[in-house]
All heavy atoms as atom14 arrays in JSON, in Angstrom:
{
  "sequence": "VHLLVCPFTKVEESFNLQAMHDILYHTTNITAYDHNEFPGVV",
  "atom14_mask": [
    [1, 1, 1, 1, 1, 1, 1, 0, 0, 0, 0, 0, 0, 0],
    [1, 1, 1, 1, 1, 1, 1, 1, 1, 1, 0, 0, 0, 0],
    [1, 1, 1, 1, 1, 1, 1, 1, 0, 0, 0, 0, 0, 0],
    [1, 1, 1, 1, 1, 1, 1, 1, 0, 0, 0, 0, 0, 0],
    [1, 1, 1, 1, 1, 1, 1, 0, 0, 0, 0, 0, 0, 0],
    [1, 1, 1, 1, 1, 1, 0, 0, 0, 0, 0, 0, 0, 0],
    [1, 1, 1, 1, 1, 1, 1, 0, 0, 0, 0, 0, 0, 0],
    [1, 1, 1, 1, 1, 1, 1, 1, 1, 1, 1, 0, 0, 0],
    [1, 1, 1, 1, 1, 1, 1, 0, 0, 0, 0, 0, 0, 0],
    [1, 1, 1, 1, 1, 1, 1, 1, 1, 0, 0, 0, 0, 0],
    [1, 1, 1, 1, 1, 1, 1, 0, 0, 0, 0, 0, 0, 0],
    [1, 1, 1, 1, 1, 1, 1, 1, 1, 0, 0, 0, 0, 0],
    [1, 1, 1, 1, 1, 1, 1, 1, 1, 0, 0, 0, 0, 0],
    [1, 1, 1, 1, 1, 1, 0, 0, 0, 0, 0, 0, 0, 0],
    [1, 1, 1, 1, 1, 1, 1, 1, 1, 1, 1, 0, 0, 0],
    [1, 1, 1, 1, 1, 1, 1, 1, 0, 0, 0, 0, 0, 0],
    [1, 1, 1, 1, 1, 1, 1, 1, 0, 0, 0, 0, 0, 0],
    [1, 1, 1, 1, 1, 1, 1, 1, 1, 0, 0, 0, 0, 0],
    [1, 1, 1, 1, 1, 0, 0, 0, 0, 0, 0, 0, 0, 0],
    [1, 1, 1, 1, 1, 1, 1, 1, 0, 0, 0, 0, 0, 0],
    [1, 1, 1, 1, 1, 1, 1, 1, 1, 1, 0, 0, 0, 0],
    [1, 1, 1, 1, 1, 1, 1, 1, 0, 0, 0, 0, 0, 0],
    [1, 1, 1, 1, 1, 1, 1, 1, 0, 0, 0, 0, 0, 0],
    [1, 1, 1, 1, 1, 1, 1, 1, 0, 0, 0, 0, 0, 0],
    [1, 1, 1, 1, 1, 1, 1, 1, 1, 1, 1, 1, 0, 0],
    [1, 1, 1, 1, 1, 1, 1, 1, 1, 1, 0, 0, 0, 0],
    [1, 1, 1, 1, 1, 1, 1, 0, 0, 0, 0, 0, 0, 0],
    [1, 1, 1, 1, 1, 1, 1, 0, 0, 0, 0, 0, 0, 0],
    [1, 1, 1, 1, 1, 1, 1, 1, 0, 0, 0, 0, 0, 0],
    [1, 1, 1, 1, 1, 1, 1, 1, 0, 0, 0, 0, 0, 0],
    [1, 1, 1, 1, 1, 1, 1, 0, 0, 0, 0, 0, 0, 0],
    [1, 1, 1, 1, 1, 0, 0, 0, 0, 0, 0, 0, 0, 0],
    [1, 1, 1, 1, 1, 1, 1, 1, 1, 1, 1, 1, 0, 0],
    [1, 1, 1, 1, 1, 1, 1, 1, 0, 0, 0, 0, 0, 0],
    [1, 1, 1, 1, 1, 1, 1, 1, 1, 1, 0, 0, 0, 0],
    [1, 1, 1, 1, 1, 1, 1, 1, 0, 0, 0, 0, 0, 0],
    [1, 1, 1, 1, 1, 1, 1, 1, 1, 0, 0, 0, 0, 0],
    [1, 1, 1, 1, 1, 1, 1, 1, 1, 1, 1, 0, 0, 0],
    [1, 1, 1, 1, 1, 1, 1, 0, 0, 0, 0, 0, 0, 0],
    [1, 1, 1, 1, 0, 0, 0, 0, 0, 0, 0, 0, 0, 0],
    [1, 1, 1, 1, 1, 1, 1, 0, 0, 0, 0, 0, 0, 0],
    [1, 1, 1, 1, 1, 1, 1, 0, 0, 0, 0, 0, 0, 0]
  ],
  "atom14_positions": [
    [[0.83, -1.21, 0.0], [0.02, 0.01, -0.01], [0.87, 1.26, 0.0], [0.66, 2.19, -0.78], [-0.96, 0.01, 1.22], [-1.63, 1.37, 1.39], [-2.02, -1.09, 1.04], [0.0, 0.0, 0.0], [0.0, 0.0, 0.0], [0.0, 0.0, 0.0], [0.0, 0.0, 0.0], [0.0, 0.0, 0.0], [0.0, 0.0, 0.0], [0.0, 0.0, 0.0]],
    [[1.89, 1.28, 0.85], [2.77, 2.44, 0.93], [3.5, 2.61, -0.41], [3.7, 3.75, -0.86], [3.8, 2.27, 2.04], [3.22, 2.45, 3.41], [2.32, 1.57, 3.97], [3.38, 3.46, 4.32], [1.98, 2.01, 5.18], [2.61, 3.14, 5.41], [0.0, 0.0, 0.0], [0.0, 0.0, 0.0], [0.0, 0.0, 0.0], [0.0, 0.0, 0.0]],
    [[3.91, 1.52, -1.02], [4.61, 1.57, -2.3], [3.73, 2.14, -3.4], [4.16, 3.02, -4.19], [5.09, 0.17, -2.7], [5.6, -0.04, -4.14], [6.78, 0.87, -4.43], [5.96, -1.51, -4.36], [0.0, 0.0, 0.0], [0.0, 0.0, 0.0], [0.0, 0.0, 0.0], [0.0, 0.0, 0.0], [0.0, 0.0, 0.0], [0.0, 0.0, 0.0]],
    [[2.49, 1.67, -3.48], [1.59, 2.14, -4.55], [1.11, 3.56, -4.35], [0.93, 4.31, -5.33], [0.4, 1.17, -4.65], [0.73, -0.27, -5.05], [-0.55, -1.11, -5.09], [1.41, -0.31, -6.4], [0.0, 0.0, 0.0], [0.0, 0.0, 0.0], [0.0, 0.0, 0.0], [0.0, 0.0, 0.0], [0.0, 0.0, 0.0], [0.0, 0.0, 0.0]],
    [[0.94, 3.95, -3.1], [0.51, 5.32, -2.81], [1.63, 6.32, -3.1], [1.41, 7.41, -3.6], [0.02, 5.47, -1.37], [-0.26, 6.93, -1.03], [-1.27, 4.66, -1.18], [0.0, 0.0, 0.0], [0.0, 0.0, 0.0], [0.0, 0.0, 0.0], [0.0, 0.0, 0.0], [0.0, 0.0, 0.0], [0.0, 0.0, 0.0], [0.0, 0.0, 0.0]],
    [[2.87, 5.88, -2.81], [4.06, 6.76, -3.0], [5.09, 6.04, -3.87], [6.11, 5.57, -3.37], [4.66, 7.13, -1.66], [3.57, 8.0, -0.54], [0.0, 0.0, 0.0], [0.0, 0.0, 0.0], [0.0, 0.0, 0.0], [0.0, 0.0, 0.0], [0.0, 0.0, 0.0], [0.0, 0.0, 0.0], [0.0, 0.0, 0.0], [0.0, 0.0, 0.0]],
    [[4.84, 5.92, -5.18], [5.75, 5.18, -6.05], [7.04, 5.93, -6.39], [7.99, 5.31, -6.83], [4.94, 4.97, -7.31], [3.99, 6.14, -7.34], [3.67, 6.45, -5.9], [0.0, 0.0, 0.0], [0.0, 0.0, 0.0], [0.0, 0.0, 0.0], [0.0, 0.0, 0.0], [0.0, 0.0, 0.0], [0.0, 0.0, 0.0], [0.0, 0.0, 0.0]],
    [[7.07, 7.24, -6.13], [8.25, 8.03, -6.47], [9.25, 8.04, -5.31], [8.93, 7.6, -4.19], [7.87, 9.45, -6.85], [6.9, 9.53, -8.02], [5.64, 10.03, -7.87], [7.29, 9.05, -9.26], [4.75, 10.08, -8.93], [6.42, 9.1, -10.31], [5.15, 9.64, -10.18], [0.0, 0.0, 0.0], [0.0, 0.0, 0.0], [0.0, 0.0, 0.0]],
    [[10.44, 8.54, -5.55], [11.5, 8.52, -4.55], [12.12, 9.89, -4.38], [11.91, 10.79, -5.18], [12.6, 7.49, -4.97], [13.1, 7.88, -6.27], [12.04, 6.07, -5.02], [0.0, 0.0, 0.0], [0.0, 0.0, 0.0], [0.0, 0.0, 0.0], [0.0, 0.0, 0.0], [0.0, 0.0, 0.0], [0.0, 0.0, 0.0], [0.0, 0.0, 0.0]],
    [[12.92, 10.01, -3.32], [13.59, 11.26, -3.02], [15.08, 11.19, -3.37], [15.62, 10.12, -3.71], [13.43, 11.61, -1.53], [12.03, 12.09, -1.15], [11.74, 13.49, -1.66], [10.42, 14.03, -1.16], [10.45, 14.38, 0.25], [0.0, 0.0, 0.0], [0.0, 0.0, 0.0], [0.0, 0.0, 0.0], [0.0, 0.0, 0.0], [0.0, 0.0, 0.0]],
    [[15.77, 12.28, -3.18], [17.16, 12.4, -3.61], [18.07, 11.4, -2.93], [18.99, 10.84, -3.55], [17.67, 13.84, -3.37], [17.6, 14.24, -1.87], [19.11, 14.0, -3.87], [0.0, 0.0, 0.0], [0.0, 0.0, 0.0], [0.0, 0.0, 0.0], [0.0, 0.0, 0.0], [0.0, 0.0, 0.0], [0.0, 0.0, 0.0], [0.0, 0.0, 0.0]],
    [[17.84, 11.09, -1.65], [18.7, 10.15, -0.94], [18.61, 8.71, -1.46], [19.43, 7.87, -1.15], [18.45, 10.2, 0.57], [17.03, 9.88, 0.95], [16.15, 11.12, 1.08], [16.52, 12.2, 0.49], [15.1, 11.04, 1.76], [0.0, 0.0, 0.0], [0.0, 0.0, 0.0], [0.0, 0.0, 0.0], [0.0, 0.0, 0.0], [0.0, 0.0, 0.0]],
    [[17.57, 8.47, -2.25], [17.37, 7.14, -2.84], [17.88, 7.06, -4.25], [17.84, 6.0, -4.86], [15.88, 6.77, -2.81], [15.23, 6.87, -1.45], [13.71, 6.89, -1.52], [13.13, 5.91, -2.02], [13.09, 7.91, -1.12], [0.0, 0.0, 0.0], [0.0, 0.0, 0.0], [0.0, 0.0, 0.0], [0.0, 0.0, 0.0], [0.0, 0.0, 0.0]],
    [[18.32, 8.2, -4.78], [18.55, 8.28, -6.22], [19.67, 7.37, -6.72], [19.55, 6.75, -7.76], [18.86, 9.73, -6.64], [20.0, 10.22, -6.0], [0.0, 0.0, 0.0], [0.0, 0.0, 0.0], [0.0, 0.0, 0.0], [0.0, 0.0, 0.0], [0.0, 0.0, 0.0], [0.0, 0.0, 0.0], [0.0, 0.0, 0.0], [0.0, 0.0, 0.0]],
    [[20.79, 7.28, -5.97], [21.88, 6.47, -6.51], [21.44, 5.02, -6.74], [21.65, 4.48, -7.82], [23.11, 6.49, -5.56], [24.11, 5.45, -5.99], [24.94, 5.69, -7.09], [24.21, 4.23, -5.33], [25.83, 4.7, -7.5], [25.09, 3.26, -5.76], [25.91, 3.48, -6.86], [0.0, 0.0, 0.0], [0.0, 0.0, 0.0], [0.0, 0.0, 0.0]],
    [[20.88, 4.4, -5.71], [20.49, 2.99, -5.83], [19.43, 2.81, -6.88], [19.43, 1.79, -7.61], [20.05, 2.45, -4.49], [21.2, 2.26, -3.52], [22.22, 1.68, -3.86], [21.06, 2.74, -2.31], [0.0, 0.0, 0.0], [0.0, 0.0, 0.0], [0.0, 0.0, 0.0], [0.0, 0.0, 0.0], [0.0, 0.0, 0.0], [0.0, 0.0, 0.0]],
    [[18.48, 3.74, -6.96], [17.41, 3.62, -7.93], [17.97, 3.76, -9.36], [17.64, 2.96, -10.24], [16.33, 4.66, -7.67], [15.05, 4.48, -8.48], [14.29, 3.24, -8.05], [14.12, 5.69, -8.36], [0.0, 0.0, 0.0], [0.0, 0.0, 0.0], [0.0, 0.0, 0.0], [0.0, 0.0, 0.0], [0.0, 0.0, 0.0], [0.0, 0.0, 0.0]],
    [[18.8, 4.78, -9.57], [19.39, 4.95, -10.9], [20.28, 3.75, -11.27], [20.33, 3.34, -12.41], [20.22, 6.23, -10.95], [19.52, 7.5, -10.48], [18.43, 8.02, -11.41], [17.64, 7.23, -11.92], [18.42, 9.33, -11.63], [0.0, 0.0, 0.0], [0.0, 0.0, 0.0], [0.0, 0.0, 0.0], [0.0, 0.0, 0.0], [0.0, 0.0, 0.0]],
    [[20.98, 3.22, -10.25], [21.84, 2.07, -10.52], [21.03, 0.86, -10.98], [21.42, 0.15, -11.9], [22.63, 1.72, -9.26], [0.0, 0.0, 0.0], [0.0, 0.0, 0.0], [0.0, 0.0, 0.0], [0.0, 0.0, 0.0], [0.0, 0.0, 0.0], [0.0, 0.0, 0.0], [0.0, 0.0, 0.0], [0.0, 0.0, 0.0], [0.0, 0.0, 0.0]],
    [[19.86, 0.64, -10.33], [19.04, -0.49, -10.74], [18.48, -0.27, -12.16], [18.36, -1.23, -12.94], [17.9, -0.7, -9.73], [18.4, -1.27, -8.41], [17.08, -1.75, -7.26], [16.52, -0.15, -6.68], [0.0, 0.0, 0.0], [0.0, 0.0, 0.0], [0.0, 0.0, 0.0], [0.0, 0.0, 0.0], [0.0, 0.0, 0.0], [0.0, 0.0, 0.0]],
    [[18.12, 0.99, -12.46], [17.66, 1.28, -13.81], [18.77, 0.96, -14.82], [18.54, 0.3, -15.86], [17.28, 2.73, -13.95], [17.02, 3.19, -15.37], [18.04, 3.55, -16.22], [15.85, 3.32, -16.07], [17.53, 3.87, -17.4], [16.21, 3.74, -17.33], [0.0, 0.0, 0.0], [0.0, 0.0, 0.0], [0.0, 0.0, 0.0], [0.0, 0.0, 0.0]],
    [[19.98, 1.41, -14.55], [21.07, 1.27, -15.49], [21.49, -0.21, -15.65], [21.83, -0.64, -16.76], [22.24, 2.11, -15.07], [21.93, 3.62, -15.14], [20.97, 3.97, -15.86], [22.62, 4.4, -14.47], [0.0, 0.0, 0.0], [0.0, 0.0, 0.0], [0.0, 0.0, 0.0], [0.0, 0.0, 0.0], [0.0, 0.0, 0.0], [0.0, 0.0, 0.0]],
    [[21.45, -0.95, -14.59], [21.79, -2.39, -14.63], [20.76, -3.1, -15.5], [21.1, -3.97, -16.35], [21.82, -3.0, -13.23], [23.06, -2.48, -12.47], [21.87, -4.53, -13.31], [23.04, -2.79, -10.99], [0.0, 0.0, 0.0], [0.0, 0.0, 0.0], [0.0, 0.0, 0.0], [0.0, 0.0, 0.0], [0.0, 0.0, 0.0], [0.0, 0.0, 0.0]],
    [[19.51, -2.74, -15.37], [18.44, -3.38, -16.14], [18.4, -2.95, -17.61], [18.12, -3.77, -18.49], [17.08, -3.09, -15.5], [16.83, -3.78, -14.15], [15.62, -3.16, -13.45], [16.62, -5.27, -14.34], [0.0, 0.0, 0.0], [0.0, 0.0, 0.0], [0.0, 0.0, 0.0], [0.0, 0.0, 0.0], [0.0, 0.0, 0.0], [0.0, 0.0, 0.0]],
    [[18.67, -1.66, -17.86], [18.48, -1.16, -19.23], [19.78, -0.92, -19.99], [19.77, -0.88, -21.23], [17.67, 0.15, -19.18], [16.22, -0.11, -18.81], [15.78, 0.02, -17.51], [15.3, -0.49, -19.78], [14.44, -0.21, -17.14], [13.96, -0.72, -19.46], [13.55, -0.58, -18.14], [12.23, -0.83, -17.81], [0.0, 0.0, 0.0], [0.0, 0.0, 0.0]],
    [[20.89, -0.73, -19.29], [22.16, -0.51, -19.96], [23.16, -1.66, -19.76], [24.19, -1.7, -20.44], [22.83, 0.78, -19.49], [22.0, 2.0, -19.78], [21.56, 2.33, -21.06], [21.53, 2.99, -18.99], [20.87, 3.43, -21.01], [20.83, 3.89, -19.77], [0.0, 0.0, 0.0], [0.0, 0.0, 0.0], [0.0, 0.0, 0.0], [0.0, 0.0, 0.0]],
    [[22.85, -2.58, -18.87], [23.64, -3.78, -18.56], [25.14, -3.45, -18.47], [25.57, -2.84, -17.54], [23.34, -4.88, -19.59], [23.65, -4.42, -20.9], [21.87, -5.29, -19.54], [0.0, 0.0, 0.0], [0.0, 0.0, 0.0], [0.0, 0.0, 0.0], [0.0, 0.0, 0.0], [0.0, 0.0, 0.0], [0.0, 0.0, 0.0], [0.0, 0.0, 0.0]],
    [[25.91, -3.89, -19.46], [27.39, -3.73, -19.36], [27.91, -2.45, -19.98], [29.11, -2.2, -19.98], [28.1, -4.93, -20.04], [27.67, -4.99, -21.41], [27.75, -6.23, -19.35], [0.0, 0.0, 0.0], [0.0, 0.0, 0.0], [0.0, 0.0, 0.0], [0.0, 0.0, 0.0], [0.0, 0.0, 0.0], [0.0, 0.0, 0.0], [0.0, 0.0, 0.0]],
    [[27.0, -1.61, -20.49], [27.43, -0.32, -21.06], [27.6, 0.71, -19.94], [26.78, 1.58, -19.74], [26.41, 0.16, -22.1], [26.85, 1.43, -22.79], [28.01, 1.84, -22.73], [25.92, 2.09, -23.47], [0.0, 0.0, 0.0], [0.0, 0.0, 0.0], [0.0, 0.0, 0.0], [0.0, 0.0, 0.0], [0.0, 0.0, 0.0], [0.0, 0.0, 0.0]],
    [[28.69, 0.58, -19.21], [28.93, 1.37, -18.02], [28.95, 2.89, -18.34], [28.6, 3.72, -17.51], [30.22, 0.96, -17.29], [30.21, -0.55, -17.02], [30.4, 1.73, -16.0], [29.09, -0.98, -16.1], [0.0, 0.0, 0.0], [0.0, 0.0, 0.0], [0.0, 0.0, 0.0], [0.0, 0.0, 0.0], [0.0, 0.0, 0.0], [0.0, 0.0, 0.0]],
    [[29.42, 3.25, -19.53], [29.52, 4.65, -19.87], [28.16, 5.37, -19.92], [28.09, 6.57, -19.81], [30.19, 4.82, -21.27], [29.43, 4.11, -22.26], [31.62, 4.29, -21.23], [0.0, 0.0, 0.0], [0.0, 0.0, 0.0], [0.0, 0.0, 0.0], [0.0, 0.0, 0.0], [0.0, 0.0, 0.0], [0.0, 0.0, 0.0], [0.0, 0.0, 0.0]],
    [[27.06, 4.58, -20.05], [25.75, 5.17, -20.11], [25.11, 5.3, -18.72], [23.98, 5.82, -18.58], [24.81, 4.34, -21.0], [0.0, 0.0, 0.0], [0.0, 0.0, 0.0], [0.0, 0.0, 0.0], [0.0, 0.0, 0.0], [0.0, 0.0, 0.0], [0.0, 0.0, 0.0], [0.0, 0.0, 0.0], [0.0, 0.0, 0.0], [0.0, 0.0, 0.0]],
    [[25.8, 4.82, -17.68], [25.24, 4.84, -16.33], [25.18, 6.27, -15.76], [26.02, 7.1, -16.05], [26.11, 3.98, -15.39], [25.78, 2.49, -15.45], [25.56, 1.86, -16.68], [25.72, 1.74, -14.32], [25.29, 0.5, -16.76], [25.46, 0.34, -14.36], [25.25, -0.25, -15.59], [24.98, -1.58, -15.66], [0.0, 0.0, 0.0], [0.0, 0.0, 0.0]],
    [[24.17, 6.51, -14.95], [23.89, 7.83, -14.41], [25.03, 8.34, -13.51], [25.34, 9.51, -13.48], [22.58, 7.8, -13.62], [22.2, 9.16, -13.07], [21.63, 9.96, -13.84], [22.44, 9.42, -11.88], [0.0, 0.0, 0.0], [0.0, 0.0, 0.0], [0.0, 0.0, 0.0], [0.0, 0.0, 0.0], [0.0, 0.0, 0.0], [0.0, 0.0, 0.0]],
    [[25.66, 7.41, -12.76], [26.65, 7.86, -11.78], [27.89, 8.46, -12.42], [28.69, 9.14, -11.75], [27.03, 6.71, -10.84], [27.88, 5.66, -11.51], [27.38, 4.7, -12.31], [29.23, 5.45, -11.45], [28.36, 3.93, -12.75], [29.5, 4.36, -12.23], [0.0, 0.0, 0.0], [0.0, 0.0, 0.0], [0.0, 0.0, 0.0], [0.0, 0.0, 0.0]],
    [[28.11, 8.22, -13.72], [29.25, 8.84, -14.4], [29.06, 10.33, -14.51], [30.04, 11.1, -14.45], [29.4, 8.23, -15.79], [29.88, 6.8, -15.75], [30.8, 6.47, -15.01], [29.21, 5.93, -16.46], [0.0, 0.0, 0.0], [0.0, 0.0, 0.0], [0.0, 0.0, 0.0], [0.0, 0.0, 0.0], [0.0, 0.0, 0.0], [0.0, 0.0, 0.0]],
    [[27.83, 10.8, -14.69], [27.54, 12.2, -14.81], [27.19, 12.85, -13.48], [27.5, 13.98, -13.21], [26.41, 12.43, -15.81], [26.16, 13.89, -16.16], [25.11, 14.06, -17.25], [24.58, 13.02, -17.73], [24.82, 15.2, -17.62], [0.0, 0.0, 0.0], [0.0, 0.0, 0.0], [0.0, 0.0, 0.0], [0.0, 0.0, 0.0], [0.0, 0.0, 0.0]],
    [[26.51, 12.07, -12.64], [26.07, 12.55, -11.33], [26.53, 11.57, -10.25], [25.74, 10.75, -9.76], [24.55, 12.71, -11.3], [24.03, 13.64, -12.37], [23.49, 13.13, -13.53], [24.08, 15.01, -12.22], [23.0, 13.97, -14.54], [23.63, 15.87, -13.23], [23.1, 15.35, -14.38], [0.0, 0.0, 0.0], [0.0, 0.0, 0.0], [0.0, 0.0, 0.0]],
    [[27.81, 11.63, -9.87], [28.36, 10.63, -8.93], [27.94, 10.8, -7.5], [28.09, 9.88, -6.68], [29.86, 10.84, -9.07], [30.0, 12.28, -9.45], [28.81, 12.58, -10.33], [0.0, 0.0, 0.0], [0.0, 0.0, 0.0], [0.0, 0.0, 0.0], [0.0, 0.0, 0.0], [0.0, 0.0, 0.0], [0.0, 0.0, 0.0], [0.0, 0.0, 0.0]],
    [[27.38, 11.96, -7.12], [27.04, 12.2, -5.75], [28.24, 12.64, -4.94], [29.37, 12.67, -5.43], [0.0, 0.0, 0.0], [0.0, 0.0, 0.0], [0.0, 0.0, 0.0], [0.0, 0.0, 0.0], [0.0, 0.0, 0.0], [0.0, 0.0, 0.0], [0.0, 0.0, 0.0], [0.0, 0.0, 0.0], [0.0, 0.0, 0.0], [0.0, 0.0, 0.0]],
    [[27.99, 12.95, -3.66], [29.06, 13.43, -2.8], [30.06, 12.32, -2.47], [31.27, 12.55, -2.47], [28.47, 14.01, -1.51], [29.58, 14.49, -0.59], [27.53, 15.17, -1.82], [0.0, 0.0, 0.0], [0.0, 0.0, 0.0], [0.0, 0.0, 0.0], [0.0, 0.0, 0.0], [0.0, 0.0, 0.0], [0.0, 0.0, 0.0], [0.0, 0.0, 0.0]],
    [[29.52, 11.13, -2.21], [30.36, 9.96, -1.91], [29.88, 8.8, -2.75], [28.69, 8.7, -3.06], [30.33, 9.59, -0.41], [31.06, 10.63, 0.42], [28.87, 9.45, 0.08], [0.0, 0.0, 0.0], [0.0, 0.0, 0.0], [0.0, 0.0, 0.0], [0.0, 0.0, 0.0], [0.0, 0.0, 0.0], [0.0, 0.0, 0.0], [0.0, 0.0, 0.0]]
  ]
}
């Protein structure tokens, strides 16, 4: 219920969420991964 009511995420969740997207959609094309452009503070 909580997931369906609030399907979106906040900034602190972005790295892991973007990583899962890139693993699923870009697989081994690491250059297309989000963290290359937006690596975060750590």
